[in-house]
Amino acid sequence: MGNTMKKLFIIILALIFLTVCAKIWSDQANNKSNVQSPLPVQTQSEPNVPAKPAVLKVHFIDVGQGDAILVQLPDGRNMLIDAAARESESTVMGYLRERGVDRIDFIVGTHPHEDHIGSLDAVIKNFKTGEVIMPEVTTNTRVFYDLLQVIKERGLSIKKARAGVSIFENSGLSAKLLAPQATEYESLNNYSAVIFLKYQDVAFLLTGDAESESEKEMLAAGCDVKAQVLKVSHHGSSSSTTAKFLQAVSPSYAVISVGAGNDYNHPHPAVLDRLARSGAVTLRTDQQGTIVFESDGKVINYSTSK
């Protein structure tokens, strides 16, 4: 009886062992189909497409006899330099909206003449606005009063435009003021905020209506005015763009914002002659319409539309 019980016990143990082994093997077989390979899966690599370079755009808007310049910075911010006469309000605001501008981070009123600041009050009313930059000079005109009123209503302050002031500076991109150098002038034009805009290797000199007096002061102060693009001052008036100043700037392109058939004989033949002799390509809003420059900081291109 004892031997029989031992044999039975051994048989039972053997059956249990076989059952457990069968279960383990079954689980291992199932798990093999679910285990991921520790080696990375090789897939077809995507082509290495270089990132599109950030572009600076400077728009010289055709507003007739006046100035309005939209600067679209590579970092997405916008700067508006002047906004032409009041009669050009719809042109300026329409142009901004067509280009998807809803905020203007920097507004510069170069000087308080109507053909430069006439539509700035409407722009500030209708667009989100950051800084307002203007020279410290006043004039007794309705246009100037309306501009000051809307600045006050919007709770904005005015940053004084004077030589040495930086508008912005970061990552190879900067805008600084070269003028006005002095605090008092006979002519309002010489209070003009002159902006040196630079993006890596490319520079724009935007001069408002600065006359020869302001030009001489900038050169005497040792300002670096060399730029590929010159916004010809005062719509090509003979009061500006002296030979010495033009030689210092040495532009590849000269842009004149001017109205066709204006009463001031702008641009003056002597200025056009100086520009031609300098070798600069002269572009005029009365002939080419709106002029837009684009640059990646190395190469510069332009297009026109009328």
C-alpha atoms as a PDB file:
ATOM      1  CA  MET A   1       0.000   0.000   0.000  1.00  0.00           C
ATOM      2  CA  GLY A   2       2.847   2.336   0.800  1.00  0.00           C
ATOM      3  CA  ASN A   3       4.497   1.781  -2.593  1.00  0.00           C
ATOM      4  CA  THR A   4       1.221   2.325  -4.417  1.00  0.00           C
ATOM      5  CA  MET A   5       0.720   5.685  -2.684  1.00  0.00           C
ATOM      6  CA  LYS A   6       4.263   6.774  -3.539  1.00  0.00           C
ATOM      7  CA  LYS A   7       3.752   5.946  -7.218  1.00  0.00           C
ATOM      8  CA  LEU A   8       0.452   7.837  -7.271  1.00  0.00           C
ATOM      9  CA  PHE A   9       2.088  10.864  -5.644  1.00  0.00           C
ATOM     10  CA  ILE A  10       4.917  10.866  -8.192  1.00  0.00           C
ATOM     11  CA  ILE A  11       2.424  10.648 -11.078  1.00  0.00           C
ATOM     12  CA  ILE A  12       0.431  13.606  -9.702  1.00  0.00           C
ATOM     13  CA  LEU A  13       3.618  15.720  -9.341  1.00  0.00           C
ATOM     14  CA  ALA A  14       4.632  14.862 -12.890  1.00  0.00           C
ATOM     15  CA  LEU A  15       1.236  15.924 -14.245  1.00  0.00           C
ATOM     16  CA  ILE A  16       1.412  19.230 -12.332  1.00  0.00           C
ATOM     17  CA  PHE A  17       4.945  19.860 -13.644  1.00  0.00           C
ATOM     18  CA  LEU A  18       3.906  19.169 -17.247  1.00  0.00           C
ATOM     19  CA  THR A  19       0.853  21.419 -16.917  1.00  0.00           C
ATOM     20  CA  VAL A  20       2.933  24.320 -15.540  1.00  0.00           C
ATOM     21  CA  CYS A  21       5.591  23.892 -18.254  1.00  0.00           C
ATOM     22  CA  ALA A  22       2.938  23.826 -20.950  1.00  0.00           C
ATOM     23  CA  LYS A  23       1.463  27.051 -19.556  1.00  0.00           C
ATOM     24  CA  ILE A  24       4.871  28.796 -19.474  1.00  0.00           C
ATOM     25  CA  TRP A  25       5.707  27.789 -23.019  1.00  0.00           C
ATOM     26  CA  SER A  26       2.310  28.925 -24.199  1.00  0.00           C
ATOM     27  CA  ASP A  27       2.789  32.361 -22.554  1.00  0.00           C
ATOM     28  CA  GLN A  28       6.285  32.723 -23.994  1.00  0.00           C
ATOM     29  CA  ALA A  29       5.055  31.850 -27.474  1.00  0.00           C
ATOM     30  CA  ASN A  30       2.283  34.438 -27.185  1.00  0.00           C
ATOM     31  CA  ASN A  31       4.643  37.088 -25.823  1.00  0.00           C
ATOM     32  CA  LYS A  32       7.099  36.649 -28.716  1.00  0.00           C
ATOM     33  CA  SER A  33       4.546  38.069 -31.109  1.00  0.00           C
ATOM     34  CA  ASN A  34       4.088  41.170 -28.893  1.00  0.00           C
ATOM     35  CA  VAL A  35       7.707  41.959 -28.017  1.00  0.00           C
ATOM     36  CA  GLN A  36       9.100  44.942 -29.946  1.00  0.00           C
ATOM     37  CA  SER A  37      12.570  44.763 -31.361  1.00  0.00           C
ATOM     38  CA  PRO A  38      15.093  46.755 -29.308  1.00  0.00           C
ATOM     39  CA  LEU A  39      16.651  47.943 -32.579  1.00  0.00           C
ATOM     40  CA  PRO A  40      15.300  51.174 -34.092  1.00  0.00           C
ATOM     41  CA  VAL A  41      13.051  50.784 -37.089  1.00  0.00           C
ATOM     42  CA  GLN A  42      14.680  52.157 -40.207  1.00  0.00           C
ATOM     43  CA  THR A  43      12.448  54.541 -42.156  1.00  0.00           C
ATOM     44  CA  GLN A  44      13.101  56.632 -45.223  1.00  0.00           C
ATOM     45  CA  SER A  45      14.627  59.897 -44.010  1.00  0.00           C
ATOM     46  CA  GLU A  46      12.949  63.218 -44.829  1.00  0.00           C
ATOM     47  CA  PRO A  47      14.915  65.546 -47.097  1.00  0.00           C
ATOM     48  CA  ASN A  48      16.978  68.093 -45.158  1.00  0.00           C
ATOM     49  CA  VAL A  49      15.223  71.292 -46.238  1.00  0.00           C
ATOM     50  CA  PRO A  50      16.958  74.444 -44.983  1.00  0.00           C
ATOM     51  CA  ALA A  51      14.799  76.854 -42.974  1.00  0.00           C
ATOM     52  CA  LYS A  52      13.496  79.809 -44.955  1.00  0.00           C
ATOM     53  CA  PRO A  53      15.485  82.897 -43.939  1.00  0.00           C
ATOM     54  CA  ALA A  54      13.652  85.632 -42.058  1.00  0.00           C
ATOM     55  CA  VAL A  55      12.971  88.584 -44.346  1.00  0.00           C
ATOM     56  CA  LEU A  56      12.892  92.331 -43.778  1.00  0.00           C
ATOM     57  CA  LYS A  57      10.363  94.210 -45.909  1.00  0.00           C
ATOM     58  CA  VAL A  58      10.338  97.975 -46.396  1.00  0.00           C
ATOM     59  CA  HIS A  59       7.319  99.393 -48.243  1.00  0.00           C
ATOM     60  CA  PHE A  60       7.469 102.910 -49.693  1.00  0.00           C
ATOM     61  CA  ILE A  61       3.735 103.401 -50.153  1.00  0.00           C
ATOM     62  CA  ASP A  62       2.547 105.506 -53.076  1.00  0.00           C
ATOM     63  CA  VAL A  63       0.637 108.282 -51.306  1.00  0.00           C
ATOM     64  CA  GLY A  64       1.201 111.100 -53.775  1.00  0.00           C
ATOM     65  CA  GLN A  65       3.007 114.142 -52.365  1.00  0.00           C
ATOM     66  CA  GLY A  66       3.939 112.810 -48.942  1.00  0.00           C
ATOM     67  CA  ASP A  67       5.646 109.983 -47.073  1.00  0.00           C
ATOM     68  CA  ALA A  68       4.383 106.696 -45.642  1.00  0.00           C
ATOM     69  CA  ILE A  69       6.788 103.815 -45.029  1.00  0.00           C
ATOM     70  CA  LEU A  70       5.785 100.428 -43.625  1.00  0.00           C
ATOM     71  CA  VAL A  71       8.645  98.352 -42.220  1.00  0.00           C
ATOM     72  CA  GLN A  72       7.847  94.680 -41.576  1.00  0.00           C
ATOM     73  CA  LEU A  73      10.569  93.253 -39.368  1.00  0.00           C
ATOM     74  CA  PRO A  74      11.870  89.671 -39.611  1.00  0.00           C
ATOM     75  CA  ASP A  75      10.604  88.978 -36.071  1.00  0.00           C
ATOM     76  CA  GLY A  76       7.012  89.831 -37.031  1.00  0.00           C
ATOM     77  CA  ARG A  77       6.844  93.347 -35.607  1.00  0.00           C
ATOM     78  CA  ASN A  78       5.779  96.374 -37.647  1.00  0.00           C
ATOM     79  CA  MET A  79       7.014  99.946 -37.810  1.00  0.00           C
ATOM     80  CA  LEU A  80       5.225 102.788 -39.600  1.00  0.00           C
ATOM     81  CA  ILE A  81       7.233 105.883 -40.478  1.00  0.00           C
ATOM     82  CA  ASP A  82       4.861 108.739 -41.312  1.00  0.00           C
ATOM     83  CA  ALA A  83       1.378 108.328 -42.765  1.00  0.00           C
ATOM     84  CA  ALA A  84       1.056 110.937 -45.509  1.00  0.00           C
ATOM     85  CA  ALA A  85      -1.588 113.645 -45.751  1.00  0.00           C
ATOM     86  CA  ARG A  86      -5.104 113.338 -44.369  1.00  0.00           C
ATOM     87  CA  GLU A  87      -6.468 112.879 -47.883  1.00  0.00           C
ATOM     88  CA  SER A  88      -4.406 109.660 -48.126  1.00  0.00           C
ATOM     89  CA  GLU A  89      -5.946 108.133 -44.984  1.00  0.00           C
ATOM     90  CA  SER A  90      -7.865 105.402 -46.817  1.00  0.00           C
ATOM     91  CA  THR A  91      -4.819 104.562 -48.951  1.00  0.00           C
ATOM     92  CA  VAL A  92      -2.550 104.104 -45.940  1.00  0.00           C
ATOM     93  CA  MET A  93      -5.014 102.152 -43.805  1.00  0.00           C
ATOM     94  CA  GLY A  94      -6.127 100.024 -46.746  1.00  0.00           C
ATOM     95  CA  TYR A  95      -2.521  99.141 -47.538  1.00  0.00           C
ATOM     96  CA  LEU A  96      -1.855  98.094 -43.939  1.00  0.00           C
ATOM     97  CA  ARG A  97      -4.985  95.938 -43.756  1.00  0.00           C
ATOM     98  CA  GLU A  98      -4.299  94.256 -47.090  1.00  0.00           C
ATOM     99  CA  ARG A  99      -0.997  93.057 -45.636  1.00  0.00           C
ATOM    100  CA  GLY A 100      -2.569  91.682 -42.499  1.00  0.00           C
ATOM    101  CA  VAL A 101      -1.227  94.364 -40.188  1.00  0.00           C
ATOM    102  CA  ASP A 102      -3.300  94.622 -37.011  1.00  0.00           C
ATOM    103  CA  ARG A 103      -0.649  96.011 -34.666  1.00  0.00           C
ATOM    104  CA  ILE A 104       1.989  98.664 -35.243  1.00  0.00           C
ATOM    105  CA  ASP A 105       4.740  98.271 -32.684  1.00  0.00           C
ATOM    106  CA  PHE A 106       6.560 101.502 -33.545  1.00  0.00           C
ATOM    107  CA  ILE A 107       5.024 104.641 -35.044  1.00  0.00           C
ATOM    108  CA  VAL A 108       7.401 107.416 -36.059  1.00  0.00           C
ATOM    109  CA  GLY A 109       6.135 110.856 -37.014  1.00  0.00           C
ATOM    110  CA  THR A 110       9.315 112.290 -38.498  1.00  0.00           C
ATOM    111  CA  HIS A 111       8.195 115.923 -38.129  1.00  0.00           C
ATOM    112  CA  PRO A 112       4.860 117.749 -37.813  1.00  0.00           C
ATOM    113  CA  HIS A 113       4.116 118.574 -41.434  1.00  0.00           C
ATOM    114  CA  GLU A 114       0.704 117.523 -42.735  1.00  0.00           C
ATOM    115  CA  ASP A 115       2.062 115.491 -45.655  1.00  0.00           C
ATOM    116  CA  HIS A 116       3.858 113.253 -43.138  1.00  0.00           C
ATOM    117  CA  ILE A 117       1.552 113.041 -40.102  1.00  0.00           C
ATOM    118  CA  GLY A 118      -1.849 113.800 -41.662  1.00  0.00           C
ATOM    119  CA  SER A 119      -3.226 110.261 -41.301  1.00  0.00           C
ATOM    120  CA  LEU A 120      -1.368 109.180 -38.154  1.00  0.00           C
ATOM    121  CA  ASP A 121      -4.328 109.995 -35.893  1.00  0.00           C
ATOM    122  CA  ALA A 122      -6.569 107.669 -37.922  1.00  0.00           C
ATOM    123  CA  VAL A 123      -3.932 104.929 -37.866  1.00  0.00           C
ATOM    124  CA  ILE A 124      -3.584 105.128 -34.075  1.00  0.00           C
ATOM    125  CA  LYS A 125      -7.388 105.060 -33.694  1.00  0.00           C
ATOM    126  CA  ASN A 126      -7.781 101.972 -35.862  1.00  0.00           C
ATOM    127  CA  PHE A 127      -4.715  99.846 -35.084  1.00  0.00           C
ATOM    128  CA  LYS A 128      -3.197  98.498 -31.902  1.00  0.00           C
ATOM    129  CA  THR A 129      -0.208 100.710 -31.210  1.00  0.00           C
ATOM    130  CA  GLY A 130       3.030 100.285 -29.276  1.00  0.00           C
ATOM    131  CA  GLU A 131       5.521 103.167 -29.108  1.00  0.00           C
ATOM    132  CA  VAL A 132       4.997 106.600 -30.641  1.00  0.00           C
ATOM    133  CA  ILE A 133       8.218 108.436 -31.516  1.00  0.00           C
ATOM    134  CA  MET A 134       8.279 112.114 -32.524  1.00  0.00           C
ATOM    135  CA  PRO A 135      10.700 115.053 -32.300  1.00  0.00           C
ATOM    136  CA  GLU A 136      10.200 117.579 -29.522  1.00  0.00           C
ATOM    137  CA  VAL A 137       8.650 120.349 -31.582  1.00  0.00           C
ATOM    138  CA  THR A 138       5.114 121.643 -31.958  1.00  0.00           C
ATOM    139  CA  THR A 139       3.167 123.429 -34.643  1.00  0.00           C
ATOM    140  CA  ASN A 140      -0.154 125.251 -34.555  1.00  0.00           C
ATOM    141  CA  THR A 141      -2.136 123.119 -37.005  1.00  0.00           C
ATOM    142  CA  ARG A 142      -5.365 121.149 -36.718  1.00  0.00           C
ATOM    143  CA  VAL A 143      -3.627 117.987 -37.947  1.00  0.00           C
ATOM    144  CA  PHE A 144      -0.987 118.164 -35.216  1.00  0.00           C
ATOM    145  CA  TYR A 145      -3.601 118.918 -32.533  1.00  0.00           C
ATOM    146  CA  ASP A 146      -5.736 115.937 -33.614  1.00  0.00           C
ATOM    147  CA  LEU A 147      -2.711 113.654 -33.456  1.00  0.00           C
ATOM    148  CA  LEU A 148      -1.840 114.766 -29.923  1.00  0.00           C
ATOM    149  CA  GLN A 149      -5.468 114.286 -28.861  1.00  0.00           C
ATOM    150  CA  VAL A 150      -5.709 110.695 -30.086  1.00  0.00           C
ATOM    151  CA  ILE A 151      -2.348 109.851 -28.497  1.00  0.00           C
ATOM    152  CA  LYS A 152      -3.728 111.159 -25.196  1.00  0.00           C
ATOM    153  CA  GLU A 153      -7.071 109.349 -25.604  1.00  0.00           C
ATOM    154  CA  ARG A 154      -5.312 106.038 -26.225  1.00  0.00           C
ATOM    155  CA  GLY A 155      -3.187 106.479 -23.097  1.00  0.00           C
ATOM    156  CA  LEU A 156       0.041 106.532 -25.095  1.00  0.00           C
ATOM    157  CA  SER A 157       3.153 108.574 -24.429  1.00  0.00           C
ATOM    158  CA  ILE A 158       5.594 110.100 -26.898  1.00  0.00           C
ATOM    159  CA  LYS A 159       9.210 108.979 -26.996  1.00  0.00           C
ATOM    160  CA  LYS A 160      11.382 111.944 -27.982  1.00  0.00           C
ATOM    161  CA  ALA A 161      13.143 111.536 -31.304  1.00  0.00           C
ATOM    162  CA  ARG A 162      16.712 112.768 -31.109  1.00  0.00           C
ATOM    163  CA  ALA A 163      20.130 111.626 -32.278  1.00  0.00           C
ATOM    164  CA  GLY A 164      21.425 108.586 -30.415  1.00  0.00           C
ATOM    165  CA  VAL A 165      18.020 107.162 -29.480  1.00  0.00           C
ATOM    166  CA  SER A 166      17.592 103.447 -30.211  1.00  0.00           C
ATOM    167  CA  ILE A 167      14.181 102.339 -31.428  1.00  0.00           C
ATOM    168  CA  PHE A 168      15.104  98.651 -31.219  1.00  0.00           C
ATOM    169  CA  GLU A 169      18.230  96.506 -31.338  1.00  0.00           C
ATOM    170  CA  ASN A 170      18.501  92.710 -31.277  1.00  0.00           C
ATOM    171  CA  SER A 171      19.963  89.785 -33.248  1.00  0.00           C
ATOM    172  CA  GLY A 172      21.569  91.754 -36.066  1.00  0.00           C
ATOM    173  CA  LEU A 173      18.499  93.971 -36.432  1.00  0.00           C
ATOM    174  CA  SER A 174      18.464  97.592 -35.307  1.00  0.00           C
ATOM    175  CA  ALA A 175      16.928 100.997 -35.865  1.00  0.00           C
ATOM    176  CA  LYS A 176      18.512 104.087 -34.375  1.00  0.00           C
ATOM    177  CA  LEU A 177      18.082 107.818 -34.805  1.00  0.00           C
ATOM    178  CA  LEU A 178      20.868 109.892 -36.348  1.00  0.00           C
ATOM    179  CA  ALA A 179      18.932 113.172 -36.205  1.00  0.00           C
ATOM    180  CA  PRO A 180      17.795 115.656 -35.087  1.00  0.00           C
ATOM    181  CA  GLN A 181      21.212 116.508 -33.671  1.00  0.00           C
ATOM    182  CA  ALA A 182      20.177 119.888 -32.222  1.00  0.00           C
ATOM    183  CA  THR A 183      17.163 121.073 -30.227  1.00  0.00           C
ATOM    184  CA  GLU A 184      16.281 124.210 -32.195  1.00  0.00           C
ATOM    185  CA  TYR A 185      15.954 124.838 -35.919  1.00  0.00           C
ATOM    186  CA  GLU A 186      14.408 127.524 -38.074  1.00  0.00           C
ATOM    187  CA  SER A 187      12.901 124.987 -40.458  1.00  0.00           C
ATOM    188  CA  LEU A 188      10.560 122.263 -39.200  1.00  0.00           C
ATOM    189  CA  ASN A 189      12.111 119.964 -41.794  1.00  0.00           C
ATOM    190  CA  ASN A 190      15.393 119.886 -39.881  1.00  0.00           C
ATOM    191  CA  TYR A 191      13.639 118.436 -36.827  1.00  0.00           C
ATOM    192  CA  SER A 192      13.070 115.314 -38.944  1.00  0.00           C
ATOM    193  CA  ALA A 193      13.759 112.002 -37.251  1.00  0.00           C
ATOM    194  CA  VAL A 194      16.382 110.342 -39.462  1.00  0.00           C
ATOM    195  CA  ILE A 195      16.382 106.563 -39.031  1.00  0.00           C
ATOM    196  CA  PHE A 196      19.272 104.216 -39.761  1.00  0.00           C
ATOM    197  CA  LEU A 197      17.685 100.783 -40.181  1.00  0.00           C
ATOM    198  CA  LYS A 198      20.065  97.835 -40.383  1.00  0.00           C
ATOM    199  CA  TYR A 199      19.510  94.098 -40.857  1.00  0.00           C
ATOM    200  CA  GLN A 200      22.790  92.205 -40.818  1.00  0.00           C
ATOM    201  CA  ASP A 201      24.681  93.472 -43.904  1.00  0.00           C
ATOM    202  CA  VAL A 202      21.865  95.589 -45.363  1.00  0.00           C
ATOM    203  CA  ALA A 203      21.073  99.181 -44.338  1.00  0.00           C
ATOM    204  CA  PHE A 204      18.349 101.731 -45.100  1.00  0.00           C
ATOM    205  CA  LEU A 205      18.682 105.463 -44.407  1.00  0.00           C
ATOM    206  CA  LEU A 206      15.234 107.010 -43.955  1.00  0.00           C
ATOM    207  CA  THR A 207      15.520 110.778 -43.816  1.00  0.00           C
ATOM    208  CA  GLY A 208      12.081 112.378 -43.534  1.00  0.00           C
ATOM    209  CA  ASP A 209      12.444 115.942 -44.811  1.00  0.00           C
ATOM    210  CA  ALA A 210      15.901 116.630 -43.327  1.00  0.00           C
ATOM    211  CA  GLU A 211      17.616 119.484 -45.146  1.00  0.00           C
ATOM    212  CA  SER A 212      21.282 120.288 -45.768  1.00  0.00           C
ATOM    213  CA  GLU A 213      21.729 121.707 -42.248  1.00  0.00           C
ATOM    214  CA  SER A 214      20.767 118.390 -40.682  1.00  0.00           C
ATOM    215  CA  GLU A 215      22.871 116.475 -43.207  1.00  0.00           C
ATOM    216  CA  LYS A 216      25.952 118.535 -42.282  1.00  0.00           C
ATOM    217  CA  GLU A 217      25.343 117.931 -38.582  1.00  0.00           C
ATOM    218  CA  MET A 218      25.125 114.159 -39.062  1.00  0.00           C
ATOM    219  CA  LEU A 219      28.402 114.105 -40.973  1.00  0.00           C
ATOM    220  CA  ALA A 220      30.088 116.397 -38.437  1.00  0.00           C
ATOM    221  CA  ALA A 221      28.967 114.068 -35.634  1.00  0.00           C
ATOM    222  CA  GLY A 222      30.654 111.149 -37.395  1.00  0.00           C
ATOM    223  CA  CYS A 223      27.423 109.252 -38.037  1.00  0.00           C
ATOM    224  CA  ASP A 224      27.716 106.128 -40.154  1.00  0.00           C
ATOM    225  CA  VAL A 225      25.248 106.926 -42.924  1.00  0.00           C
ATOM    226  CA  LYS A 226      26.434 104.400 -45.519  1.00  0.00           C
ATOM    227  CA  ALA A 227      23.389 102.473 -46.743  1.00  0.00           C
ATOM    228  CA  GLN A 228      22.275 100.422 -49.721  1.00  0.00           C
ATOM    229  CA  VAL A 229      18.911 102.217 -49.804  1.00  0.00           C
ATOM    230  CA  LEU A 230      18.444 105.959 -49.318  1.00  0.00           C
ATOM    231  CA  LYS A 231      15.014 107.497 -48.889  1.00  0.00           C
ATOM    232  CA  VAL A 232      15.761 110.774 -50.638  1.00  0.00           C
ATOM    233  CA  SER A 233      14.905 113.582 -48.260  1.00  0.00           C
ATOM    234  CA  HIS A 234      12.121 116.113 -48.745  1.00  0.00           C
ATOM    235  CA  HIS A 235      10.705 114.466 -51.869  1.00  0.00           C
ATOM    236  CA  GLY A 236      13.811 115.316 -53.894  1.00  0.00           C
ATOM    237  CA  SER A 237      13.878 119.009 -52.996  1.00  0.00           C
ATOM    238  CA  SER A 238      17.002 121.035 -53.805  1.00  0.00           C
ATOM    239  CA  SER A 239      17.223 121.855 -50.075  1.00  0.00           C
ATOM    240  CA  SER A 240      18.484 118.321 -49.384  1.00  0.00           C
ATOM    241  CA  THR A 241      20.697 115.492 -50.656  1.00  0.00           C
ATOM    242  CA  THR A 242      23.888 117.515 -50.932  1.00  0.00           C
ATOM    243  CA  ALA A 243      26.756 116.037 -52.934  1.00  0.00           C
ATOM    244  CA  LYS A 244      28.851 115.486 -49.792  1.00  0.00           C
ATOM    245  CA  PHE A 245      26.039 113.713 -47.966  1.00  0.00           C
ATOM    246  CA  LEU A 246      25.183 111.570 -50.974  1.00  0.00           C
ATOM    247  CA  GLN A 247      28.824 110.564 -51.320  1.00  0.00           C
ATOM    248  CA  ALA A 248      28.892 109.483 -47.662  1.00  0.00           C
ATOM    249  CA  VAL A 249      25.720 107.401 -48.038  1.00  0.00           C
ATOM    250  CA  SER A 250      26.834 105.876 -51.358  1.00  0.00           C
ATOM    251  CA  PRO A 251      23.477 104.179 -51.985  1.00  0.00           C
ATOM    252  CA  SER A 252      22.744 101.493 -54.535  1.00  0.00           C
ATOM    253  CA  TYR A 253      19.088 102.600 -54.610  1.00  0.00           C
ATOM    254  CA  ALA A 254      17.525 106.021 -54.068  1.00  0.00           C
ATOM    255  CA  VAL A 255      13.779 106.198 -53.411  1.00  0.00           C
ATOM    256  CA  ILE A 256      11.831 109.418 -53.930  1.00  0.00           C
ATOM    257  CA  SER A 257       8.321 109.595 -52.481  1.00  0.00           C
ATOM    258  CA  VAL A 258       6.637 112.280 -54.546  1.00  0.00           C
ATOM    259  CA  GLY A 259       3.342 113.186 -56.177  1.00  0.00           C
ATOM    260  CA  ALA A 260       2.957 113.461 -59.936  1.00  0.00           C
ATOM    261  CA  GLY A 261       2.648 117.040 -61.183  1.00  0.00           C
ATOM    262  CA  ASN A 262       3.186 118.546 -57.726  1.00  0.00           C
ATOM    263  CA  ASP A 263       3.431 122.315 -57.212  1.00  0.00           C
ATOM    264  CA  TYR A 264       6.961 122.224 -55.767  1.00  0.00           C
ATOM    265  CA  ASN A 265       8.945 121.041 -58.790  1.00  0.00           C
ATOM    266  CA  HIS A 266       9.875 117.885 -56.848  1.00  0.00           C
ATOM    267  CA  PRO A 267      12.131 116.114 -57.513  1.00  0.00           C
ATOM    268  CA  HIS A 268      14.498 118.905 -58.456  1.00  0.00           C
ATOM    269  CA  PRO A 269      16.572 118.346 -61.620  1.00  0.00           C
ATOM    270  CA  ALA A 270      19.828 119.071 -59.751  1.00  0.00           C
ATOM    271  CA  VAL A 271      19.067 116.309 -57.234  1.00  0.00           C
ATOM    272  CA  LEU A 272      18.184 113.862 -59.998  1.00  0.00           C
ATOM    273  CA  ASP A 273      21.455 114.726 -61.702  1.00  0.00           C
ATOM    274  CA  ARG A 274      23.454 114.111 -58.501  1.00  0.00           C
ATOM    275  CA  LEU A 275      21.726 110.768 -58.019  1.00  0.00           C
ATOM    276  CA  ALA A 276      22.429 109.734 -61.603  1.00  0.00           C
ATOM    277  CA  ARG A 277      26.105 110.636 -61.284  1.00  0.00           C
ATOM    278  CA  SER A 278      26.344 108.698 -58.015  1.00  0.00           C
ATOM    279  CA  GLY A 279      25.396 105.495 -59.838  1.00  0.00           C
ATOM    280  CA  ALA A 280      22.330 104.851 -57.672  1.00  0.00           C
ATOM    281  CA  VAL A 281      19.205 103.369 -59.231  1.00  0.00           C
ATOM    282  CA  THR A 282      16.547 106.046 -58.726  1.00  0.00           C
ATOM    283  CA  LEU A 283      12.996 104.871 -58.011  1.00  0.00           C
ATOM    284  CA  ARG A 284      10.031 107.258 -57.789  1.00  0.00           C
ATOM    285  CA  THR A 285       6.561 106.620 -56.437  1.00  0.00           C
ATOM    286  CA  ASP A 286       5.064 108.992 -59.031  1.00  0.00           C
ATOM    287  CA  GLN A 287       6.497 106.774 -61.774  1.00  0.00           C
ATOM    288  CA  GLN A 288       6.802 103.259 -60.319  1.00  0.00           C
ATOM    289  CA  GLY A 289       4.056 103.432 -57.689  1.00  0.00           C
ATOM    290  CA  THR A 290       4.590 101.609 -54.402  1.00  0.00           C
ATOM    291  CA  ILE A 291       8.150 100.314 -54.027  1.00  0.00           C
ATOM    292  CA  VAL A 292       8.868  97.307 -51.790  1.00  0.00           C
ATOM    293  CA  PHE A 293      12.336  96.125 -50.793  1.00  0.00           C
ATOM    294  CA  GLU A 294      12.960  92.662 -49.346  1.00  0.00           C
ATOM    295  CA  SER A 295      16.169  91.415 -47.764  1.00  0.00           C
ATOM    296  CA  ASP A 296      17.410  88.364 -45.887  1.00  0.00           C
ATOM    297  CA  GLY A 297      20.192  90.489 -44.449  1.00  0.00           C
ATOM    298  CA  LYS A 298      22.584  89.611 -47.267  1.00  0.00           C
ATOM    299  CA  VAL A 299      20.810  90.133 -50.582  1.00  0.00           C
ATOM    300  CA  ILE A 300      18.350  92.900 -51.388  1.00  0.00           C
ATOM    301  CA  ASN A 301      15.594  92.879 -54.025  1.00  0.00           C
ATOM    302  CA  TYR A 302      12.781  95.240 -54.888  1.00  0.00           C
ATOM    303  CA  SER A 303       9.438  95.193 -56.675  1.00  0.00           C
ATOM    304  CA  THR A 304       7.062  97.931 -57.781  1.00  0.00           C
ATOM    305  CA  SER A 305       3.297  98.139 -58.255  1.00  0.00           C
ATOM    306  CA  LYS A 306       1.198 100.972 -59.600  1.00  0.00           C
END
